[in-house]
Amino acid sequence: MKKSFHASWEDEYYGKAKGEGFPYEGAPRYPYDRVVSIVAKKFFQIPREKRSEVMMLDLGCGSGNNAVFLAENGFTVFGIDGSSSGIEICKERFRERGLQGEFVVGDFLSLPYEAERFDFVLDRESLYANRRADIKEAIAQVYRVLKPGGLFCSFMYSTDHPHAGRSGEEIEPNTFQDVRTGRFVGITHYADLRDILDLFRDFSVENIMSSSLREVWHAASALLGEAEYIILAKK
C-alpha cells in the first residue's frame, strides 16, 4: 500500500511528546482558534441533542487537540494519523475527559472509511506535510469519504510563510524536505492560490481565506510568524 506519512512526525515530534509522559506538554493541547470559529459558524446552529448525527473526521488528528473540541461540543468524531504515539495521546485525552471517539493509525492515501460517510472533514495543517502529488491524491480520498454536500475545511501553509524556502532542500517546486525551522519536520509544501484552486478543482469552493502573522517590531526576536490559506469546500 502506498504511504505518504513521514516517519519524522513519529520519531521527532509525537514520539518525543509521548516520552515525556502524561500530560504530554510537548503535544498540542488546545484547539486552533480558527477551527473553533469555523466550526461554530458552520455547525453550532444544530441543536445539541442532534449533533451526534453529524459525522466528523479529523485528518491528521495528532494528539487530539481539535478532536477533543469537536467531541466536547457533541459531534461524532473520528480521527486518523500516521503517528502511533499521536493516536495513543489522543485516545488518552479522550479517556480522561470521558469522551467518545474512534481513532486509527493510517495513511491519507488510503482512508479506511466507506464512501460518503462524513459530513465534515478537517485538515488542520496536515496535508501540507507531503509532496504535491500525494496531497492531490489525499484530497481525492477526502472527496470520496464526504457525503454529498459535505464540507471540507483545509488549512495549508502559503508561499508567503516567513519560513518558506529558508531551510531544507527543495525537492520539487515549493516543496522542501529536512526542514528545521519552527515546528516543521519532514516534508513541507507551501501553496499559492493557483495551486489551491487546482488541488480543489473537484469541489465547490465556498471560501479561500488568507491568514498571516508577522513580527513588525523586533524581527530578530520574532515570537510567532505564519501565513496560511483556509479553504472551505463542499462536495
Foldseek 3Di string as FASTA:
>chain_A
DDFWDDCCCQVPALVVLVVVPPPSVRWDAADDPVLVVVCCVPPVVPDLVCQCVAEEEEEQCFLPRNVVVSQVSRHAYEYEHQHPSRQVNNVVVCVVVVTDYHYDHDHLLCDPAAFQAHQEYEAEADLQLGPLVSSLSSVVVVNRRHHAFHKYKHKAFACPWPCFPVDADDPDVQKGACDDPDPDHGMGHHDDPVSVCVSCVVWAWDDKDKDWDADDPCNVPDPDTGIIIITMTGD
